[in-house]
């Protein structure tokens, strides 16, 4: 299993970013996949899950702002983030468990004016 996150950056409050996670070594569509994040000095936090059925679940504080999707043909997982807030600043990871199993190096998202 290899997961490589990308797409982070610096964005102003209220802005948007789309993160990508390139998956290899397994069939993405057959697994429940997760996005998690870790803010400075904080523990890893589960954000969202996407199931093989493409059903999704979200942390309440991001529901309605974040959307998880995947492209099975390309084996890429996405996290569309809208209306970003300063408290969304963190390193973002995709993973094969809600606790961050198999996560990659992560991608930094900084929300600041």
N, C-alpha and C. Protein backbone atom coordinates (compact mmCIF):
# COMPACT_ATOMS: atom_id res chain seq x y z
N UNK A 1 0.84 -1.19 0.00
CA UNK A 1 0.00 0.00 0.00
C UNK A 1 0.88 1.25 0.00
N UNK A 2 0.60 2.14 -0.94
CA UNK A 2 1.29 3.41 -0.95
C UNK A 2 0.28 4.51 -1.21
N UNK A 3 0.35 5.55 -0.40
CA UNK A 3 -0.54 6.69 -0.52
C UNK A 3 0.30 7.95 -0.59
N UNK A 4 0.02 8.80 -1.57
CA UNK A 4 0.78 10.04 -1.76
C UNK A 4 -0.20 11.20 -1.87
N UNK A 5 -0.16 12.07 -0.86
CA UNK A 5 -1.05 13.21 -0.81
C UNK A 5 -0.42 14.43 -1.50
N UNK A 6 -1.26 15.28 -2.06
CA UNK A 6 -0.80 16.51 -2.69
C UNK A 6 -1.94 17.51 -2.73
N UNK A 7 -1.59 18.76 -3.10
CA UNK A 7 -2.62 19.77 -3.31
C UNK A 7 -2.76 20.80 -2.20
N UNK A 8 -2.00 20.66 -1.14
CA UNK A 8 -2.08 21.63 -0.06
C UNK A 8 -1.48 22.97 -0.45
N UNK A 9 -1.60 23.92 0.46
CA UNK A 9 -1.04 25.24 0.22
C UNK A 9 -1.55 26.25 1.21
N UNK A 10 -1.27 27.50 0.89
CA UNK A 10 -1.72 28.63 1.72
C UNK A 10 -2.97 29.21 1.09
N UNK A 11 -4.00 29.38 1.88
CA UNK A 11 -5.26 29.91 1.39
C UNK A 11 -5.85 30.84 2.43
N UNK A 12 -6.58 31.85 1.98
CA UNK A 12 -7.23 32.78 2.91
C UNK A 12 -8.49 32.16 3.48
N UNK A 13 -8.89 32.62 4.65
CA UNK A 13 -10.18 32.15 5.20
C UNK A 13 -11.30 32.36 4.19
N UNK A 14 -12.15 31.35 4.09
CA UNK A 14 -13.23 31.38 3.11
C UNK A 14 -12.85 30.80 1.77
N UNK A 15 -11.59 30.50 1.59
CA UNK A 15 -11.11 29.95 0.32
C UNK A 15 -11.34 28.46 0.20
N UNK A 16 -10.87 27.92 -0.93
CA UNK A 16 -11.06 26.51 -1.23
C UNK A 16 -9.76 25.86 -1.68
N UNK A 17 -9.67 24.58 -1.44
CA UNK A 17 -8.56 23.75 -1.92
C UNK A 17 -9.11 22.37 -2.21
N UNK A 18 -8.47 21.69 -3.16
CA UNK A 18 -8.77 20.29 -3.40
C UNK A 18 -7.50 19.48 -3.21
N UNK A 19 -7.55 18.55 -2.29
CA UNK A 19 -6.44 17.65 -2.04
C UNK A 19 -6.63 16.37 -2.84
N UNK A 20 -5.51 15.79 -3.24
CA UNK A 20 -5.52 14.52 -3.96
C UNK A 20 -4.69 13.50 -3.20
N UNK A 21 -5.04 12.25 -3.38
CA UNK A 21 -4.29 11.15 -2.77
C UNK A 21 -4.17 10.06 -3.82
N UNK A 22 -2.97 9.86 -4.32
CA UNK A 22 -2.72 8.81 -5.30
C UNK A 22 -2.46 7.51 -4.56
N UNK A 23 -3.25 6.51 -4.87
CA UNK A 23 -3.17 5.22 -4.18
C UNK A 23 -2.60 4.16 -5.11
N UNK A 24 -1.74 3.32 -4.58
CA UNK A 24 -1.19 2.22 -5.36
C UNK A 24 -0.97 1.02 -4.45
N UNK A 25 -0.88 -0.14 -5.09
CA UNK A 25 -0.64 -1.37 -4.34
C UNK A 25 -1.90 -2.07 -3.88
N UNK A 26 -3.05 -1.51 -4.19
CA UNK A 26 -4.32 -2.14 -3.84
C UNK A 26 -5.40 -1.50 -4.70
N UNK A 27 -6.59 -2.08 -4.65
CA UNK A 27 -7.71 -1.57 -5.43
C UNK A 27 -8.49 -0.58 -4.58
N UNK A 28 -8.39 0.69 -4.96
CA UNK A 28 -8.98 1.76 -4.16
C UNK A 28 -10.47 1.55 -3.92
N UNK A 29 -11.16 1.12 -4.93
CA UNK A 29 -12.62 1.00 -4.83
C UNK A 29 -13.08 -0.10 -3.89
N UNK A 30 -12.18 -0.98 -3.50
CA UNK A 30 -12.56 -2.10 -2.65
C UNK A 30 -12.39 -1.81 -1.17
N UNK A 31 -11.82 -0.66 -0.84
CA UNK A 31 -11.50 -0.33 0.54
C UNK A 31 -12.29 0.86 1.03
N UNK A 32 -12.55 0.89 2.32
CA UNK A 32 -12.98 2.12 2.95
C UNK A 32 -11.74 3.00 3.08
N UNK A 33 -11.84 4.23 2.65
CA UNK A 33 -10.70 5.14 2.70
C UNK A 33 -11.04 6.34 3.57
N UNK A 34 -10.02 6.93 4.13
CA UNK A 34 -10.19 7.97 5.13
C UNK A 34 -9.31 9.17 4.83
N UNK A 35 -9.80 10.33 5.22
CA UNK A 35 -8.97 11.53 5.34
C UNK A 35 -8.86 11.85 6.83
N UNK A 36 -7.64 12.15 7.24
CA UNK A 36 -7.37 12.55 8.61
C UNK A 36 -6.46 13.77 8.55
N UNK A 37 -6.34 14.48 9.65
CA UNK A 37 -5.45 15.63 9.68
C UNK A 37 -4.82 15.75 11.06
N UNK A 38 -3.72 16.46 11.10
CA UNK A 38 -3.04 16.71 12.36
C UNK A 38 -2.59 18.15 12.42
N UNK A 39 -3.19 18.89 13.34
CA UNK A 39 -2.81 20.27 13.56
C UNK A 39 -1.62 20.31 14.51
N UNK A 40 -0.87 21.39 14.50
CA UNK A 40 0.31 21.49 15.39
C UNK A 40 -0.07 21.26 16.84
N UNK A 41 0.64 20.35 17.47
CA UNK A 41 0.41 20.07 18.87
C UNK A 41 -0.84 19.27 19.18
N UNK A 42 -1.52 18.82 18.14
CA UNK A 42 -2.78 18.09 18.32
C UNK A 42 -2.62 16.64 17.87
N UNK A 43 -3.55 15.82 18.29
CA UNK A 43 -3.56 14.43 17.84
C UNK A 43 -4.16 14.34 16.44
N UNK A 44 -3.93 13.20 15.83
CA UNK A 44 -4.53 12.93 14.53
C UNK A 44 -6.05 12.94 14.66
N UNK A 45 -6.71 13.58 13.70
CA UNK A 45 -8.16 13.73 13.77
C UNK A 45 -8.81 13.17 12.51
N UNK A 46 -9.77 12.28 12.67
CA UNK A 46 -10.53 11.75 11.53
C UNK A 46 -11.41 12.85 10.95
N UNK A 47 -11.44 12.94 9.62
CA UNK A 47 -12.27 13.93 8.94
C UNK A 47 -13.42 13.29 8.16
N UNK A 48 -13.08 12.27 7.38
CA UNK A 48 -14.11 11.71 6.51
C UNK A 48 -13.75 10.28 6.13
N UNK A 49 -14.81 9.58 5.71
CA UNK A 49 -14.67 8.22 5.20
C UNK A 49 -15.44 8.13 3.90
N UNK A 50 -14.93 7.30 2.99
CA UNK A 50 -15.68 6.97 1.79
C UNK A 50 -15.64 5.47 1.64
N UNK A 51 -16.83 4.89 1.44
CA UNK A 51 -16.99 3.45 1.43
C UNK A 51 -16.96 2.93 -0.01
N UNK A 52 -16.79 1.63 -0.18
CA UNK A 52 -16.83 1.08 -1.55
C UNK A 52 -18.11 1.45 -2.31
N UNK A 53 -19.18 1.60 -1.57
CA UNK A 53 -20.45 2.00 -2.19
C UNK A 53 -20.46 3.47 -2.60
N UNK A 54 -19.41 4.21 -2.22
CA UNK A 54 -19.25 5.67 -2.37
C UNK A 54 -20.07 6.47 -1.36
N UNK A 55 -20.74 5.79 -0.43
CA UNK A 55 -21.31 6.52 0.69
C UNK A 55 -20.19 7.19 1.46
N UNK A 56 -20.51 8.31 2.10
CA UNK A 56 -19.50 9.07 2.82
C UNK A 56 -19.98 9.42 4.23
N UNK A 57 -19.03 9.72 5.08
CA UNK A 57 -19.31 10.20 6.43
C UNK A 57 -18.29 11.26 6.76
N UNK A 58 -18.72 12.25 7.58
CA UNK A 58 -17.86 13.39 7.87
C UNK A 58 -17.89 13.76 9.34
N UNK A 59 -16.77 14.30 9.79
CA UNK A 59 -16.72 14.96 11.09
C UNK A 59 -17.72 16.11 11.05
N UNK A 60 -18.54 16.28 12.06
CA UNK A 60 -19.57 17.33 12.02
C UNK A 60 -19.03 18.72 11.70
N UNK A 61 -17.84 19.04 12.17
CA UNK A 61 -17.33 20.40 11.96
C UNK A 61 -16.90 20.67 10.52
N UNK A 62 -16.80 19.62 9.70
CA UNK A 62 -16.44 19.82 8.29
C UNK A 62 -17.57 19.44 7.36
N UNK A 63 -18.60 18.80 7.87
CA UNK A 63 -19.71 18.39 7.01
C UNK A 63 -20.36 19.61 6.40
N UNK A 64 -20.61 19.52 5.10
CA UNK A 64 -21.16 20.66 4.38
C UNK A 64 -20.10 21.56 3.79
N UNK A 65 -18.88 21.46 4.28
CA UNK A 65 -17.76 22.24 3.72
C UNK A 65 -16.78 21.34 2.96
N UNK A 66 -16.60 20.12 3.42
CA UNK A 66 -15.65 19.19 2.80
C UNK A 66 -16.42 18.08 2.08
N UNK A 67 -15.88 17.66 0.94
CA UNK A 67 -16.47 16.57 0.18
C UNK A 67 -15.39 15.59 -0.25
N UNK A 68 -15.60 14.32 0.08
CA UNK A 68 -14.69 13.25 -0.31
C UNK A 68 -15.24 12.53 -1.52
N UNK A 69 -14.35 12.28 -2.46
CA UNK A 69 -14.75 11.52 -3.64
C UNK A 69 -13.55 10.71 -4.12
N UNK A 70 -13.78 9.87 -5.11
CA UNK A 70 -12.65 9.12 -5.65
C UNK A 70 -12.87 8.85 -7.14
N UNK A 71 -11.75 8.70 -7.82
CA UNK A 71 -11.75 8.32 -9.23
C UNK A 71 -11.15 6.92 -9.28
N UNK A 72 -11.98 5.91 -9.43
CA UNK A 72 -11.49 4.54 -9.37
C UNK A 72 -10.58 4.21 -10.54
N UNK A 73 -10.85 4.77 -11.69
CA UNK A 73 -10.03 4.49 -12.87
C UNK A 73 -8.61 5.01 -12.68
N UNK A 74 -8.49 6.16 -12.01
CA UNK A 74 -7.16 6.74 -11.78
C UNK A 74 -6.58 6.35 -10.44
N UNK A 75 -7.39 5.71 -9.61
CA UNK A 75 -6.99 5.32 -8.26
C UNK A 75 -6.55 6.54 -7.44
N UNK A 76 -7.39 7.56 -7.48
CA UNK A 76 -7.12 8.80 -6.76
C UNK A 76 -8.30 9.13 -5.86
N UNK A 77 -7.98 9.50 -4.66
CA UNK A 77 -8.95 9.95 -3.67
C UNK A 77 -8.85 11.47 -3.59
N UNK A 78 -9.98 12.14 -3.41
CA UNK A 78 -10.00 13.60 -3.36
C UNK A 78 -10.65 14.09 -2.08
N UNK A 79 -10.24 15.28 -1.67
CA UNK A 79 -10.93 15.99 -0.60
C UNK A 79 -11.09 17.43 -1.06
N UNK A 80 -12.32 17.77 -1.42
CA UNK A 80 -12.65 19.14 -1.80
C UNK A 80 -13.00 19.90 -0.53
N UNK A 81 -12.30 21.00 -0.28
CA UNK A 81 -12.51 21.77 0.95
C UNK A 81 -12.93 23.18 0.59
N UNK A 82 -14.09 23.57 1.06
CA UNK A 82 -14.62 24.91 0.82
C UNK A 82 -14.79 25.66 2.14
N UNK A 83 -14.90 26.98 2.03
CA UNK A 83 -15.13 27.82 3.20
C UNK A 83 -14.13 27.48 4.31
N UNK A 84 -12.88 27.46 3.94
CA UNK A 84 -11.84 27.07 4.90
C UNK A 84 -11.71 28.09 6.02
N UNK A 85 -11.41 27.59 7.20
CA UNK A 85 -11.28 28.39 8.41
C UNK A 85 -9.86 28.24 8.95
N UNK A 86 -9.45 29.19 9.76
CA UNK A 86 -8.09 29.14 10.30
C UNK A 86 -7.87 27.85 11.08
N UNK A 87 -8.93 27.35 11.71
CA UNK A 87 -8.78 26.11 12.48
C UNK A 87 -8.64 24.87 11.62
N UNK A 88 -8.75 25.02 10.30
CA UNK A 88 -8.50 23.91 9.39
C UNK A 88 -7.02 23.75 9.07
N UNK A 89 -6.20 24.65 9.55
CA UNK A 89 -4.76 24.56 9.33
C UNK A 89 -4.21 23.27 9.95
N UNK A 90 -3.56 22.47 9.14
CA UNK A 90 -3.07 21.16 9.59
C UNK A 90 -2.33 20.48 8.44
N UNK A 91 -1.71 19.36 8.76
CA UNK A 91 -1.21 18.45 7.72
C UNK A 91 -2.31 17.42 7.47
N UNK A 92 -2.65 17.26 6.21
CA UNK A 92 -3.75 16.38 5.81
C UNK A 92 -3.20 15.10 5.20
N UNK A 93 -3.81 13.98 5.58
CA UNK A 93 -3.39 12.67 5.11
C UNK A 93 -4.59 11.87 4.63
N UNK A 94 -4.37 11.02 3.65
CA UNK A 94 -5.32 9.96 3.37
C UNK A 94 -4.77 8.69 4.02
N UNK A 95 -5.66 7.77 4.33
CA UNK A 95 -5.25 6.60 5.10
C UNK A 95 -6.22 5.45 4.89
N UNK A 96 -5.81 4.28 5.33
CA UNK A 96 -6.67 3.10 5.21
C UNK A 96 -7.38 2.77 6.52
N UNK A 97 -7.24 3.64 7.50
CA UNK A 97 -8.03 3.51 8.73
C UNK A 97 -8.26 4.90 9.30
N UNK A 98 -9.20 5.00 10.20
CA UNK A 98 -9.51 6.30 10.80
C UNK A 98 -8.40 6.76 11.73
N UNK A 99 -7.49 5.86 12.04
CA UNK A 99 -6.35 6.23 12.88
C UNK A 99 -5.09 6.50 12.07
N UNK A 100 -5.25 6.56 10.74
CA UNK A 100 -4.12 6.98 9.93
C UNK A 100 -3.21 5.89 9.41
N UNK A 101 -3.69 4.65 9.43
CA UNK A 101 -2.86 3.56 8.93
C UNK A 101 -2.47 3.78 7.48
N UNK A 102 -1.22 3.49 7.15
CA UNK A 102 -0.68 3.56 5.79
C UNK A 102 -0.61 4.97 5.23
N UNK A 103 -0.81 5.98 6.04
CA UNK A 103 -0.82 7.33 5.50
C UNK A 103 0.52 7.70 4.90
N UNK A 104 0.50 8.64 3.98
CA UNK A 104 1.71 9.08 3.32
C UNK A 104 2.39 10.20 4.09
N UNK A 105 3.09 11.04 3.36
CA UNK A 105 3.85 12.12 4.00
C UNK A 105 2.95 13.30 4.35
N UNK A 106 1.77 13.31 3.78
CA UNK A 106 0.83 14.38 4.08
C UNK A 106 1.05 15.62 3.23
N UNK A 107 0.08 16.50 3.26
CA UNK A 107 0.18 17.77 2.56
C UNK A 107 -0.29 18.88 3.49
N UNK A 108 0.49 19.94 3.57
CA UNK A 108 0.23 21.02 4.52
C UNK A 108 -0.84 21.95 3.96
N UNK A 109 -1.83 22.23 4.78
CA UNK A 109 -2.85 23.23 4.47
C UNK A 109 -2.75 24.32 5.52
N UNK A 110 -2.54 25.54 5.07
CA UNK A 110 -2.46 26.67 5.98
C UNK A 110 -3.52 27.68 5.58
N UNK A 111 -4.40 27.99 6.52
CA UNK A 111 -5.47 28.95 6.28
C UNK A 111 -5.16 30.19 7.09
N UNK A 112 -4.85 31.27 6.39
CA UNK A 112 -4.42 32.48 7.07
C UNK A 112 -4.63 33.67 6.17
N UNK A 113 -4.95 34.79 6.79
CA UNK A 113 -5.08 36.03 6.03
C UNK A 113 -3.75 36.78 6.00
